[in-house]
PDB file of N, CA and C in Angstrom:
ATOM      1  N   MET A   1      -4.144  -9.441   4.911  1.00  0.00           N
ATOM      2  CA  MET A   1      -3.717  -8.062   4.992  1.00  0.00           C
ATOM      3  C   MET A   1      -4.683  -7.327   5.923  1.00  0.00           C
ATOM      4  N   ASP A   2      -4.117  -6.656   6.903  1.00  0.00           N
ATOM      5  CA  ASP A   2      -4.945  -5.901   7.840  1.00  0.00           C
ATOM      6  C   ASP A   2      -5.446  -4.616   7.186  1.00  0.00           C
ATOM      7  N   ARG A   3      -6.600  -4.149   7.662  1.00  0.00           N
ATOM      8  CA  ARG A   3      -7.175  -2.888   7.185  1.00  0.00           C
ATOM      9  C   ARG A   3      -6.795  -1.770   8.147  1.00  0.00           C
ATOM     10  N   LEU A   4      -6.450  -0.634   7.584  1.00  0.00           N
ATOM     11  CA  LEU A   4      -6.156   0.542   8.393  1.00  0.00           C
ATOM     12  C   LEU A   4      -7.416   0.986   9.120  1.00  0.00           C
ATOM     13  N   GLN A   5      -7.269   1.281  10.415  1.00  0.00           N
ATOM     14  CA  GLN A   5      -8.408   1.670  11.236  1.00  0.00           C
ATOM     15  C   GLN A   5      -8.478   3.172  11.522  1.00  0.00           C
ATOM     16  N   SER A   6      -7.315   3.845  11.465  1.00  0.00           N
ATOM     17  CA  SER A   6      -7.315   5.272  11.806  1.00  0.00           C
ATOM     18  C   SER A   6      -6.065   5.938  11.231  1.00  0.00           C
ATOM     19  N   VAL A   7      -6.110   7.247  11.148  1.00  0.00           N
ATOM     20  CA  VAL A   7      -4.947   8.012  10.717  1.00  0.00           C
ATOM     21  C   VAL A   7      -3.819   7.849  11.734  1.00  0.00           C
ATOM     22  N   GLU A   8      -4.177   7.763  13.006  1.00  0.00           N
ATOM     23  CA  GLU A   8      -3.175   7.564  14.052  1.00  0.00           C
ATOM     24  C   GLU A   8      -2.445   6.233  13.856  1.00  0.00           C
ATOM     25  N   GLU A   9      -3.179   5.209  13.480  1.00  0.00           N
ATOM     26  CA  GLU A   9      -2.555   3.913  13.205  1.00  0.00           C
ATOM     27  C   GLU A   9      -1.594   4.027  12.012  1.00  0.00           C
ATOM     28  N   PHE A  10      -2.011   4.747  10.970  1.00  0.00           N
ATOM     29  CA  PHE A  10      -1.136   4.965   9.816  1.00  0.00           C
ATOM     30  C   PHE A  10       0.174   5.593  10.266  1.00  0.00           C
ATOM     31  N   GLU A  11       0.077   6.653  11.050  1.00  0.00           N
ATOM     32  CA  GLU A  11       1.271   7.365  11.512  1.00  0.00           C
ATOM     33  C   GLU A  11       2.168   6.463  12.353  1.00  0.00           C
ATOM     34  N   GLN A  12       1.559   5.666  13.218  1.00  0.00           N
ATOM     35  CA  GLN A  12       2.327   4.757  14.068  1.00  0.00           C
ATOM     36  C   GLN A  12       3.034   3.692  13.225  1.00  0.00           C
ATOM     37  N   LEU A  13       2.330   3.090  12.286  1.00  0.00           N
ATOM     38  CA  LEU A  13       2.934   2.068  11.431  1.00  0.00           C
ATOM     39  C   LEU A  13       4.036   2.658  10.551  1.00  0.00           C
ATOM     40  N   ALA A  14       3.793   3.832  10.002  1.00  0.00           N
ATOM     41  CA  ALA A  14       4.796   4.477   9.148  1.00  0.00           C
ATOM     42  C   ALA A  14       6.050   4.816   9.942  1.00  0.00           C
ATOM     43  N   GLU A  15       5.886   5.165  11.193  1.00  0.00           N
ATOM     44  CA  GLU A  15       7.006   5.581  12.037  1.00  0.00           C
ATOM     45  C   GLU A  15       7.785   4.395  12.607  1.00  0.00           C
ATOM     46  N   ASN A  16       7.076   3.333  12.973  1.00  0.00           N
ATOM     47  CA  ASN A  16       7.695   2.275  13.773  1.00  0.00           C
ATOM     48  C   ASN A  16       7.859   0.933  13.077  1.00  0.00           C
ATOM     49  N   GLU A  17       7.295   0.762  11.931  1.00  0.00           N
ATOM     50  CA  GLU A  17       7.327  -0.533  11.261  1.00  0.00           C
ATOM     51  C   GLU A  17       7.912  -0.374   9.863  1.00  0.00           C
ATOM     52  N   GLN A  18       8.156  -1.489   9.244  1.00  0.00           N
ATOM     53  CA  GLN A  18       8.514  -1.544   7.836  1.00  0.00           C
ATOM     54  C   GLN A  18       7.220  -1.931   7.128  1.00  0.00           C
ATOM     55  N   THR A  19       6.520  -0.934   6.591  1.00  0.00           N
ATOM     56  CA  THR A  19       5.141  -1.122   6.165  1.00  0.00           C
ATOM     57  C   THR A  19       4.925  -0.743   4.712  1.00  0.00           C
ATOM     58  N   VAL A  20       4.142  -1.578   4.029  1.00  0.00           N
ATOM     59  CA  VAL A  20       3.645  -1.268   2.695  1.00  0.00           C
ATOM     60  C   VAL A  20       2.152  -1.000   2.841  1.00  0.00           C
ATOM     61  N   PHE A  21       1.746   0.200   2.466  1.00  0.00           N
ATOM     62  CA  PHE A  21       0.336   0.565   2.477  1.00  0.00           C
ATOM     63  C   PHE A  21      -0.213   0.403   1.067  1.00  0.00           C
ATOM     64  N   MET A  22      -1.293  -0.355   0.938  1.00  0.00           N
ATOM     65  CA  MET A  22      -1.970  -0.513  -0.348  1.00  0.00           C
ATOM     66  C   MET A  22      -3.241   0.319  -0.306  1.00  0.00           C
ATOM     67  N   PHE A  23      -3.310   1.319  -1.152  1.00  0.00           N
ATOM     68  CA  PHE A  23      -4.489   2.180  -1.253  1.00  0.00           C
ATOM     69  C   PHE A  23      -5.409   1.587  -2.304  1.00  0.00           C
ATOM     70  N   SER A  24      -6.659   1.368  -1.924  1.00  0.00           N
ATOM     71  CA  SER A  24      -7.596   0.643  -2.779  1.00  0.00           C
ATOM     72  C   SER A  24      -9.016   1.092  -2.452  1.00  0.00           C
ATOM     73  N   ALA A  25      -9.986   0.466  -3.111  1.00  0.00           N
ATOM     74  CA  ALA A  25     -11.400   0.701  -2.821  1.00  0.00           C
ATOM     75  C   ALA A  25     -12.192  -0.499  -3.322  1.00  0.00           C
ATOM     76  N   ALA A  26     -13.323  -0.731  -2.697  1.00  0.00           N
ATOM     77  CA  ALA A  26     -14.150  -1.886  -3.059  1.00  0.00           C
ATOM     78  C   ALA A  26     -14.626  -1.824  -4.505  1.00  0.00           C
ATOM     79  N   TRP A  27     -14.821  -0.646  -5.034  1.00  0.00           N
ATOM     80  CA  TRP A  27     -15.376  -0.474  -6.377  1.00  0.00           C
ATOM     81  C   TRP A  27     -14.315  -0.483  -7.480  1.00  0.00           C
ATOM     82  N   CYS A  28     -13.038  -0.626  -7.129  1.00  0.00           N
ATOM     83  CA  CYS A  28     -11.925  -0.514  -8.081  1.00  0.00           C
ATOM     84  C   CYS A  28     -11.677  -1.855  -8.784  1.00  0.00           C
ATOM     85  N   PRO A  29     -11.973  -1.960 -10.089  1.00  0.00           N
ATOM     86  CA  PRO A  29     -11.775  -3.241 -10.780  1.00  0.00           C
ATOM     87  C   PRO A  29     -10.303  -3.653 -10.881  1.00  0.00           C
ATOM     88  N   ASP A  30      -9.395  -2.711 -11.080  1.00  0.00           N
ATOM     89  CA  ASP A  30      -7.971  -3.053 -11.158  1.00  0.00           C
ATOM     90  C   ASP A  30      -7.452  -3.569  -9.816  1.00  0.00           C
ATOM     91  N   CYS A  31      -8.026  -3.083  -8.733  1.00  0.00           N
ATOM     92  CA  CYS A  31      -7.647  -3.556  -7.401  1.00  0.00           C
ATOM     93  C   CYS A  31      -8.081  -5.008  -7.213  1.00  0.00           C
ATOM     94  N   ARG A  32      -9.245  -5.354  -7.710  1.00  0.00           N
ATOM     95  CA  ARG A  32      -9.745  -6.725  -7.581  1.00  0.00           C
ATOM     96  C   ARG A  32      -8.907  -7.700  -8.395  1.00  0.00           C
ATOM     97  N   VAL A  33      -8.329  -7.236  -9.495  1.00  0.00           N
ATOM     98  CA  VAL A  33      -7.506  -8.106 -10.334  1.00  0.00           C
ATOM     99  C   VAL A  33      -6.261  -8.572  -9.579  1.00  0.00           C
ATOM    100  N   ILE A  34      -5.616  -7.685  -8.831  1.00  0.00           N
ATOM    101  CA  ILE A  34      -4.389  -8.070  -8.132  1.00  0.00           C
ATOM    102  C   ILE A  34      -4.649  -8.677  -6.757  1.00  0.00           C
ATOM    103  N   GLU A  35      -5.858  -8.530  -6.234  1.00  0.00           N
ATOM    104  CA  GLU A  35      -6.163  -9.006  -4.887  1.00  0.00           C
ATOM    105  C   GLU A  35      -5.782 -10.474  -4.653  1.00  0.00           C
ATOM    106  N   PRO A  36      -6.081 -11.392  -5.587  1.00  0.00           N
ATOM    107  CA  PRO A  36      -5.710 -12.798  -5.347  1.00  0.00           C
ATOM    108  C   PRO A  36      -4.192 -13.027  -5.271  1.00  0.00           C
ATOM    109  N   GLU A  37      -3.405 -12.112  -5.795  1.00  0.00           N
ATOM    110  CA  GLU A  37      -1.947 -12.232  -5.803  1.00  0.00           C
ATOM    111  C   GLU A  37      -1.310 -11.736  -4.500  1.00  0.00           C
ATOM    112  N   LEU A  38      -2.043 -10.973  -3.723  1.00  0.00           N
ATOM    113  CA  LEU A  38      -1.449 -10.318  -2.558  1.00  0.00           C
ATOM    114  C   LEU A  38      -0.977 -11.271  -1.465  1.00  0.00           C
ATOM    115  N   PRO A  39      -1.683 -12.381  -1.179  1.00  0.00           N
ATOM    116  CA  PRO A  39      -1.143 -13.303  -0.170  1.00  0.00           C
ATOM    117  C   PRO A  39       0.243 -13.843  -0.540  1.00  0.00           C
ATOM    118  N   GLU A  40       0.465 -14.129  -1.807  1.00  0.00           N
ATOM    119  CA  GLU A  40       1.782 -14.574  -2.256  1.00  0.00           C
ATOM    120  C   GLU A  40       2.819 -13.480  -2.028  1.00  0.00           C
ATOM    121  N   LEU A  41       2.461 -12.258  -2.342  1.00  0.00           N
ATOM    122  CA  LEU A  41       3.353 -11.121  -2.151  1.00  0.00           C
ATOM    123  C   LEU A  41       3.741 -10.983  -0.674  1.00  0.00           C
ATOM    124  N   GLU A  42       2.773 -11.150   0.197  1.00  0.00           N
ATOM    125  CA  GLU A  42       3.048 -11.074   1.635  1.00  0.00           C
ATOM    126  C   GLU A  42       3.963 -12.215   2.089  1.00  0.00           C
ATOM    127  N   ARG A  43       3.736 -13.421   1.589  1.00  0.00           N
ATOM    128  CA  ARG A  43       4.585 -14.564   1.945  1.00  0.00           C
ATOM    129  C   ARG A  43       6.027 -14.364   1.470  1.00  0.00           C
ATOM    130  N   GLU A  44       6.179 -13.758   0.298  1.00  0.00           N
ATOM    131  CA  GLU A  44       7.508 -13.555  -0.278  1.00  0.00           C
ATOM    132  C   GLU A  44       8.276 -12.404   0.385  1.00  0.00           C
ATOM    133  N   ASN A  45       7.576 -11.587   1.159  1.00  0.00           N
ATOM    134  CA  ASN A  45       8.186 -10.406   1.783  1.00  0.00           C
ATOM    135  C   ASN A  45       7.813 -10.321   3.262  1.00  0.00           C
ATOM    136  N   PRO A  46       8.228 -11.322   4.050  1.00  0.00           N
ATOM    137  CA  PRO A  46       7.788 -11.376   5.454  1.00  0.00           C
ATOM    138  C   PRO A  46       8.335 -10.244   6.328  1.00  0.00           C
ATOM    139  N   GLU A  47       9.360  -9.548   5.849  1.00  0.00           N
ATOM    140  CA  GLU A  47       9.918  -8.444   6.638  1.00  0.00           C
ATOM    141  C   GLU A  47       9.044  -7.188   6.588  1.00  0.00           C
ATOM    142  N   TRP A  48       8.050  -7.188   5.711  1.00  0.00           N
ATOM    143  CA  TRP A  48       7.145  -6.046   5.556  1.00  0.00           C
ATOM    144  C   TRP A  48       5.786  -6.352   6.170  1.00  0.00           C
ATOM    145  N   THR A  49       5.196  -5.342   6.782  1.00  0.00           N
ATOM    146  CA  THR A  49       3.806  -5.394   7.222  1.00  0.00           C
ATOM    147  C   THR A  49       2.977  -4.772   6.108  1.00  0.00           C
ATOM    148  N   PHE A  50       1.953  -5.464   5.648  1.00  0.00           N
ATOM    149  CA  PHE A  50       1.095  -4.980   4.574  1.00  0.00           C
ATOM    150  C   PHE A  50      -0.232  -4.518   5.168  1.00  0.00           C
ATOM    151  N   VAL A  51      -0.656  -3.316   4.779  1.00  0.00           N
ATOM    152  CA  VAL A  51      -1.873  -2.724   5.331  1.00  0.00           C
ATOM    153  C   VAL A  51      -2.730  -2.177   4.196  1.00  0.00           C
ATOM    154  N   TYR A  52      -3.993  -2.575   4.189  1.00  0.00           N
ATOM    155  CA  TYR A  52      -4.970  -2.106   3.208  1.00  0.00           C
ATOM    156  C   TYR A  52      -5.539  -0.776   3.679  1.00  0.00           C
ATOM    157  N   VAL A  53      -5.509   0.232   2.817  1.00  0.00           N
ATOM    158  CA  VAL A  53      -6.071   1.546   3.133  1.00  0.00           C
ATOM    159  C   VAL A  53      -7.227   1.795   2.164  1.00  0.00           C
ATOM    160  N   ASP A  54      -8.432   1.851   2.698  1.00  0.00           N
ATOM    161  CA  ASP A  54      -9.598   2.121   1.863  1.00  0.00           C
ATOM    162  C   ASP A  54      -9.618   3.594   1.499  1.00  0.00           C
ATOM    163  N   ARG A  55      -9.466   3.866   0.238  1.00  0.00           N
ATOM    164  CA  ARG A  55      -9.391   5.232  -0.268  1.00  0.00           C
ATOM    165  C   ARG A  55     -10.612   6.051   0.130  1.00  0.00           C
ATOM    166  N   ASP A  56     -11.782   5.439   0.136  1.00  0.00           N
ATOM    167  CA  ASP A  56     -13.005   6.173   0.465  1.00  0.00           C
ATOM    168  C   ASP A  56     -13.085   6.517   1.950  1.00  0.00           C
ATOM    169  N   ASP A  57     -12.510   5.675   2.804  1.00  0.00           N
ATOM    170  CA  ASP A  57     -12.510   5.936   4.246  1.00  0.00           C
ATOM    171  C   ASP A  57     -11.432   6.939   4.655  1.00  0.00           C
ATOM    172  N   PHE A  58     -10.377   7.051   3.849  1.00  0.00           N
ATOM    173  CA  PHE A  58      -9.234   7.891   4.203  1.00  0.00           C
ATOM    174  C   PHE A  58      -8.877   8.837   3.064  1.00  0.00           C
ATOM    175  N   ILE A  59      -9.866   9.535   2.540  1.00  0.00           N
ATOM    176  CA  ILE A  59      -9.662  10.428   1.394  1.00  0.00           C
ATOM    177  C   ILE A  59      -8.687  11.562   1.736  1.00  0.00           C
ATOM    178  N   ASP A  60      -8.727  12.074   2.951  1.00  0.00           N
ATOM    179  CA  ASP A  60      -7.796  13.142   3.342  1.00  0.00           C
ATOM    180  C   ASP A  60      -6.358  12.628   3.401  1.00  0.00           C
ATOM    181  N   LEU A  61      -6.174  11.423   3.893  1.00  0.00           N
ATOM    182  CA  LEU A  61      -4.853  10.812   3.920  1.00  0.00           C
ATOM    183  C   LEU A  61      -4.332  10.623   2.498  1.00  0.00           C
ATOM    184  N   CYS A  62      -5.215  10.197   1.607  1.00  0.00           N
ATOM    185  CA  CYS A  62      -4.827  10.055   0.195  1.00  0.00           C
ATOM    186  C   CYS A  62      -4.388  11.395  -0.381  1.00  0.00           C
ATOM    187  N   ALA A  63      -5.121  12.433  -0.079  1.00  0.00           N
ATOM    188  CA  ALA A  63      -4.758  13.758  -0.573  1.00  0.00           C
ATOM    189  C   ALA A  63      -3.415  14.203   0.011  1.00  0.00           C
ATOM    190  N   ASP A  64      -3.196  13.933   1.291  1.00  0.00           N
ATOM    191  CA  ASP A  64      -1.935  14.314   1.939  1.00  0.00           C
ATOM    192  C   ASP A  64      -0.733  13.664   1.266  1.00  0.00           C
ATOM    193  N   TYR A  65      -0.917  12.448   0.759  1.00  0.00           N
ATOM    194  CA  TYR A  65       0.186  11.707   0.133  1.00  0.00           C
ATOM    195  C   TYR A  65       0.069  11.640  -1.392  1.00  0.00           C
ATOM    196  N   SER A  66      -0.784  12.480  -1.948  1.00  0.00           N
ATOM    197  CA  SER A  66      -0.957  12.570  -3.412  1.00  0.00           C
ATOM    198  C   SER A  66      -1.288  11.224  -4.044  1.00  0.00           C
ATOM    199  N   ILE A  67      -2.205  10.512  -3.415  1.00  0.00           N
ATOM    200  CA  ILE A  67      -2.688   9.238  -3.944  1.00  0.00           C
ATOM    201  C   ILE A  67      -3.978   9.551  -4.697  1.00  0.00           C
ATOM    202  N   PHE A  68      -3.860   9.748  -5.989  1.00  0.00           N
ATOM    203  CA  PHE A  68      -5.027  10.119  -6.787  1.00  0.00           C
ATOM    204  C   PHE A  68      -5.467   8.999  -7.721  1.00  0.00           C
ATOM    205  N   GLY A  69      -4.721   7.926  -7.791  1.00  0.00           N
ATOM    206  CA  GLY A  69      -5.093   6.763  -8.576  1.00  0.00           C
ATOM    207  C   GLY A  69      -4.927   5.520  -7.725  1.00  0.00           C
ATOM    208  N   ILE A  70      -5.764   4.528  -7.970  1.00  0.00           N
ATOM    209  CA  ILE A  70      -5.652   3.271  -7.226  1.00  0.00           C
ATOM    210  C   ILE A  70      -5.727   2.112  -8.200  1.00  0.00           C
ATOM    211  N   PRO A  71      -5.134   0.988  -7.866  1.00  0.00           N
ATOM    212  CA  PRO A  71      -4.388   0.731  -6.638  1.00  0.00           C
ATOM    213  C   PRO A  71      -3.045   1.455  -6.647  1.00  0.00           C
ATOM    214  N   SER A  72      -2.641   1.883  -5.469  1.00  0.00           N
ATOM    215  CA  SER A  72      -1.340   2.522  -5.305  1.00  0.00           C
ATOM    216  C   SER A  72      -0.713   2.026  -4.016  1.00  0.00           C
ATOM    217  N   PHE A  73       0.615   2.141  -3.949  1.00  0.00           N
ATOM    218  CA  PHE A  73       1.364   1.600  -2.828  1.00  0.00           C
ATOM    219  C   PHE A  73       2.382   2.619  -2.329  1.00  0.00           C
ATOM    220  N   LEU A  74       2.524   2.685  -1.000  1.00  0.00           N
ATOM    221  CA  LEU A  74       3.582   3.467  -0.357  1.00  0.00           C
ATOM    222  C   LEU A  74       4.330   2.544   0.595  1.00  0.00           C
ATOM    223  N   ALA A  75       5.641   2.666   0.639  1.00  0.00           N
ATOM    224  CA  ALA A  75       6.455   1.882   1.568  1.00  0.00           C
ATOM    225  C   ALA A  75       7.163   2.822   2.525  1.00  0.00           C
ATOM    226  N   PHE A  76       7.044   2.525   3.821  1.00  0.00           N
ATOM    227  CA  PHE A  76       7.706   3.303   4.863  1.00  0.00           C
ATOM    228  C   PHE A  76       8.594   2.391   5.685  1.00  0.00           C
ATOM    229  N   LYS A  77       9.716   2.951   6.100  1.00  0.00           N
ATOM    230  CA  LYS A  77      10.635   2.242   6.987  1.00  0.00           C
ATOM    231  C   LYS A  77      11.187   3.258   7.967  1.00  0.00           C
ATOM    232  N   SER A  78      10.945   3.021   9.246  1.00  0.00           N
ATOM    233  CA  SER A  78      11.453   3.896  10.314  1.00  0.00           C
ATOM    234  C   SER A  78      11.083   5.356  10.093  1.00  0.00           C
ATOM    235  N   GLY A  79       9.846   5.593   9.701  1.00  0.00           N
ATOM    236  CA  GLY A  79       9.356   6.957   9.553  1.00  0.00           C
ATOM    237  C   GLY A  79       9.682   7.635   8.249  1.00  0.00           C
ATOM    238  N   GLU A  80      10.392   6.949   7.371  1.00  0.00           N
ATOM    239  CA  GLU A  80      10.796   7.539   6.102  1.00  0.00           C
ATOM    240  C   GLU A  80      10.104   6.827   4.942  1.00  0.00           C
ATOM    241  N   GLU A  81       9.555   7.620   4.032  1.00  0.00           N
ATOM    242  CA  GLU A  81       8.985   7.027   2.831  1.00  0.00           C
ATOM    243  C   GLU A  81      10.125   6.513   1.973  1.00  0.00           C
ATOM    244  N   LYS A  82      10.130   5.207   1.704  1.00  0.00           N
ATOM    245  CA  LYS A  82      11.213   4.569   0.962  1.00  0.00           C
ATOM    246  C   LYS A  82      10.897   4.415  -0.523  1.00  0.00           C
ATOM    247  N   ALA A  83       9.616   4.257  -0.855  1.00  0.00           N
ATOM    248  CA  ALA A  83       9.247   4.073  -2.257  1.00  0.00           C
ATOM    249  C   ALA A  83       7.758   4.324  -2.406  1.00  0.00           C
ATOM    250  N   ARG A  84       7.394   4.691  -3.636  1.00  0.00           N
ATOM    251  CA  ARG A  84       5.979   4.856  -3.950  1.00  0.00           C
ATOM    252  C   ARG A  84       5.717   4.297  -5.341  1.00  0.00           C
ATOM    253  N   PHE A  85       4.563   3.668  -5.459  1.00  0.00           N
ATOM    254  CA  PHE A  85       4.106   3.122  -6.737  1.00  0.00           C
ATOM    255  C   PHE A  85       2.679   3.631  -6.874  1.00  0.00           C
ATOM    256  N   VAL A  86       2.567   4.843  -7.377  1.00  0.00           N
ATOM    257  CA  VAL A  86       1.302   5.568  -7.386  1.00  0.00           C
ATOM    258  C   VAL A  86       0.917   5.886  -8.822  1.00  0.00           C
ATOM    259  N   SER A  87      -0.208   5.336  -9.227  1.00  0.00           N
ATOM    260  CA  SER A  87      -0.796   5.642 -10.532  1.00  0.00           C
ATOM    261  C   SER A  87      -2.181   5.029 -10.572  1.00  0.00           C
ATOM    262  N   LYS A  88      -2.902   5.356 -11.617  1.00  0.00           N
ATOM    263  CA  LYS A  88      -4.234   4.781 -11.780  1.00  0.00           C
ATOM    264  C   LYS A  88      -4.203   3.511 -12.615  1.00  0.00           C
ATOM    265  N   ASP A  89      -3.023   3.119 -13.065  1.00  0.00           N
ATOM    266  CA  ASP A  89      -2.890   1.972 -13.958  1.00  0.00           C
ATOM    267  C   ASP A  89      -2.971   0.650 -13.206  1.00  0.00           C
ATOM    268  N   ARG A  90      -3.420  -0.378 -13.918  1.00  0.00           N
ATOM    269  CA  ARG A  90      -3.421  -1.736 -13.375  1.00  0.00           C
ATOM    270  C   ARG A  90      -1.976  -2.146 -13.110  1.00  0.00           C
ATOM    271  N   LYS A  91      -1.749  -2.868 -12.024  1.00  0.00           N
ATOM    272  CA  LYS A  91      -0.406  -3.294 -11.660  1.00  0.00           C
ATOM    273  C   LYS A  91      -0.302  -4.811 -11.694  1.00  0.00           C
ATOM    274  N   THR A  92       0.890  -5.293 -12.038  1.00  0.00           N
ATOM    275  CA  THR A  92       1.137  -6.729 -12.025  1.00  0.00           C
ATOM    276  C   THR A  92       1.870  -7.097 -10.745  1.00  0.00           C
ATOM    277  N   LEU A  93       1.869  -8.368 -10.434  1.00  0.00           N
ATOM    278  CA  LEU A  93       2.608  -8.851  -9.275  1.00  0.00           C
ATOM    279  C   LEU A  93       4.088  -8.523  -9.410  1.00  0.00           C
ATOM    280  N   GLU A  94       4.626  -8.666 -10.598  1.00  0.00           N
ATOM    281  CA  GLU A  94       6.039  -8.380 -10.835  1.00  0.00           C
ATOM    282  C   GLU A  94       6.352  -6.901 -10.607  1.00  0.00           C
ATOM    283  N   GLU A  95       5.471  -6.019 -11.036  1.00  0.00           N
ATOM    284  CA  GLU A  95       5.686  -4.580 -10.824  1.00  0.00           C
ATOM    285  C   GLU A  95       5.644  -4.229  -9.337  1.00  0.00           C
ATOM    286  N   ILE A  96       4.721  -4.844  -8.616  1.00  0.00           N
ATOM    287  CA  ILE A  96       4.612  -4.576  -7.182  1.00  0.00           C
ATOM    288  C   ILE A  96       5.847  -5.107  -6.462  1.00  0.00           C
ATOM    289  N   GLN A  97       6.323  -6.286  -6.856  1.00  0.00           N
ATOM    290  CA  GLN A  97       7.528  -6.830  -6.239  1.00  0.00           C
ATOM    291  C   GLN A  97       8.730  -5.939  -6.523  1.00  0.00           C
ATOM    292  N   SER A  98       8.835  -5.401  -7.713  1.00  0.00           N
ATOM    293  CA  SER A  98       9.932  -4.474  -8.041  1.00  0.00           C
ATOM    294  C   SER A  98       9.871  -3.232  -7.155  1.00  0.00           C
ATOM    295  N   PHE A  99       8.671  -2.724  -6.933  1.00  0.00           N
ATOM    296  CA  PHE A  99       8.481  -1.588  -6.027  1.00  0.00           C
ATOM    297  C   PHE A  99       8.988  -1.929  -4.619  1.00  0.00           C
ATOM    298  N   ILE A 100       8.647  -3.118  -4.128  1.00  0.00           N
ATOM    299  CA  ILE A 100       9.092  -3.535  -2.793  1.00  0.00           C
ATOM    300  C   ILE A 100      10.604  -3.681  -2.765  1.00  0.00           C
ATOM    301  N   ASP A 101      11.179  -4.271  -3.795  1.00  0.00           N
ATOM    302  CA  ASP A 101      12.627  -4.424  -3.866  1.00  0.00           C
ATOM    303  C   ASP A 101      13.318  -3.058  -3.842  1.00  0.00           C
ATOM    304  N   GLU A 102      12.734  -2.082  -4.497  1.00  0.00           N
ATOM    305  CA  GLU A 102      13.276  -0.718  -4.512  1.00  0.00           C
ATOM    306  C   GLU A 102      13.262  -0.114  -3.110  1.00  0.00           C
ATOM    307  N   ALA A 103      12.262  -0.477  -2.308  1.00  0.00           N
ATOM    308  CA  ALA A 103      12.102   0.104  -0.983  1.00  0.00           C
ATOM    309  C   ALA A 103      13.093  -0.477   0.038  1.00  0.00           C
ATOM    310  N   LYS A 104      13.687  -1.603  -0.272  1.00  0.00           N
ATOM    311  CA  LYS A 104      14.566  -2.292   0.701  1.00  0.00           C
ATOM    312  C   LYS A 104      15.825  -1.535   0.997  1.00  0.00           C
TER     313      LYS A 104
END
């Protein structure tokens, strides 16, 4: 999973790609629990580009999109937000896959 490098990159990916943004942080224990599952998720959903967004590096972006709990996910397709899975709760692989299915 690639890491977001700039707000401009976020805007470009949201506008031009079918992208799932994962908002996370190095210190987040719930994020570390699902991390080993993410490569499988990416393999199962090759039509999506997955991008890691470090909450601490992009706090203003998180505020703009009301991301107040992590891990959280946003899905964009052609500039439109298609789905959001935003909460502070631990997430399972099945819940994340359901979120992606909703975004299709």
